[in-house]
Amino acid sequence: MADKKYYGDVLLRPLVTEKTVAASELNKYIFEVHRDANKYTVKDAVEKLFNVKVDQVNIMNMKAKPKKRGVFVGKTRSWKKAVVTLVVGYRIKELEGQH
């Protein structure tokens, strides 16, 4: 993932749900990331984009789920999720208070 922009190429979008807003109180922020992203690229992107210090990054592959609409059967897309824990004292102001 060399020569990539941070937002759009590594971090696709922040996930904003009730659960993720509650996690932000514990300095944890959840992002949908590119399928090729790893912990090091996610850490670098968050630190440079939001000017914060990252303590830990956990990455999960979210598998596709089967869906049915009438007689048509398909499945959702699979994607990758990153849980970024910040060092105590750092906040991402851009993501505060979004629900």
Protein backbone atom coordinates (compact mmCIF):
# COMPACT_ATOMS: atom_id res chain seq x y z
CA MET A 1 0.00 0.00 0.00
CA ALA A 2 2.87 2.34 -0.77
CA ASP A 3 2.05 5.83 -2.12
CA LYS A 4 -1.53 5.79 -0.85
CA LYS A 5 -3.58 8.65 0.50
CA TYR A 6 -4.60 8.18 4.11
CA TYR A 7 -8.31 8.89 3.79
CA GLY A 8 -9.96 7.05 0.95
CA ASP A 9 -7.18 4.56 0.33
CA VAL A 10 -6.47 3.23 3.83
CA LEU A 11 -9.34 4.55 5.98
CA LEU A 12 -12.56 4.23 4.02
CA ARG A 13 -15.00 5.62 6.59
CA PRO A 14 -15.57 5.81 10.34
CA LEU A 15 -18.29 3.54 11.66
CA VAL A 16 -20.79 5.57 13.69
CA THR A 17 -23.28 3.49 15.68
CA GLU A 18 -24.46 3.54 19.28
CA LYS A 19 -21.87 0.92 20.14
CA THR A 20 -18.97 2.79 18.50
CA VAL A 21 -19.97 6.11 20.09
CA ALA A 22 -19.91 4.38 23.49
CA ALA A 23 -16.49 2.92 22.66
CA SER A 24 -15.16 6.40 21.87
CA GLU A 25 -15.55 7.20 25.57
CA LEU A 26 -12.85 4.54 26.13
CA ASN A 27 -10.55 6.12 23.47
CA LYS A 28 -11.52 3.47 20.90
CA TYR A 29 -12.50 4.47 17.39
CA ILE A 30 -13.74 2.05 14.73
CA PHE A 31 -13.08 2.47 11.00
CA GLU A 32 -13.81 0.52 7.84
CA VAL A 33 -10.43 0.05 6.18
CA HIS A 34 -9.13 -1.14 2.82
CA ARG A 35 -8.92 -4.91 2.31
CA ASP A 36 -5.11 -4.72 1.91
CA ALA A 37 -4.54 -2.51 4.98
CA ASN A 38 -2.60 -3.86 7.93
CA LYS A 39 -2.07 -2.62 11.49
CA TYR A 40 0.95 -0.52 10.58
CA THR A 41 -0.69 1.33 7.69
CA VAL A 42 -3.84 1.98 9.74
CA LYS A 43 -1.79 3.30 12.67
CA ASP A 44 0.22 5.57 10.38
CA ALA A 45 -2.91 6.86 8.63
CA VAL A 46 -4.78 7.68 11.86
CA GLU A 47 -1.76 9.38 13.44
CA LYS A 48 -1.06 11.56 10.40
CA LEU A 49 -4.67 12.33 9.47
CA PHE A 50 -6.01 13.20 12.94
CA ASN A 51 -2.72 14.27 14.62
CA VAL A 52 -3.10 11.84 17.56
CA LYS A 53 -0.97 9.11 19.15
CA VAL A 54 -2.20 5.53 18.57
CA ASP A 55 -1.65 2.95 21.32
CA GLN A 56 -3.06 -0.19 19.66
CA VAL A 57 -4.80 -1.35 16.47
CA ASN A 58 -6.95 -4.47 16.16
CA ILE A 59 -8.14 -5.58 12.72
CA MET A 60 -11.02 -7.92 11.88
CA ASN A 61 -12.22 -9.41 8.61
CA MET A 62 -16.01 -9.18 8.50
CA LYS A 63 -17.43 -12.05 6.46
CA ALA A 64 -20.32 -11.73 4.03
CA LYS A 65 -23.78 -12.56 5.37
CA PRO A 66 -26.47 -14.34 3.36
CA LYS A 67 -29.43 -12.15 2.40
CA LYS A 68 -32.69 -12.93 0.63
CA ARG A 69 -35.11 -10.56 -1.07
CA GLY A 70 -38.11 -12.45 -2.32
CA VAL A 71 -36.89 -15.30 -4.49
CA PHE A 72 -33.48 -13.72 -5.07
CA VAL A 73 -30.68 -15.01 -2.86
CA GLY A 74 -27.37 -13.23 -2.44
CA LYS A 75 -25.00 -12.03 0.20
CA THR A 76 -23.54 -8.82 1.51
CA ARG A 77 -19.97 -7.87 0.73
CA SER A 78 -17.11 -8.84 3.00
CA TRP A 79 -15.05 -6.01 4.48
CA LYS A 80 -12.32 -5.19 7.00
CA LYS A 81 -12.78 -3.32 10.28
CA ALA A 82 -10.11 -1.69 12.46
CA VAL A 83 -10.48 -0.79 16.15
CA VAL A 84 -7.99 1.96 16.96
CA THR A 85 -7.16 2.63 20.62
CA LEU A 86 -5.60 6.01 21.34
CA VAL A 87 -3.15 6.92 24.08
CA VAL A 88 -4.87 8.39 27.16
CA GLY A 89 -5.42 12.11 26.72
CA TYR A 90 -5.85 12.08 22.93
CA ARG A 91 -9.26 12.48 21.25
CA ILE A 92 -10.43 12.67 17.66
CA LYS A 93 -12.49 15.87 17.68
CA GLU A 94 -13.88 15.26 14.20
CA LEU A 95 -15.66 12.10 15.40
CA GLU A 96 -16.89 13.39 18.77
CA GLY A 97 -20.63 13.67 19.27
CA GLN A 98 -21.73 11.99 16.03
CA HIS A 99 -24.80 9.82 16.45
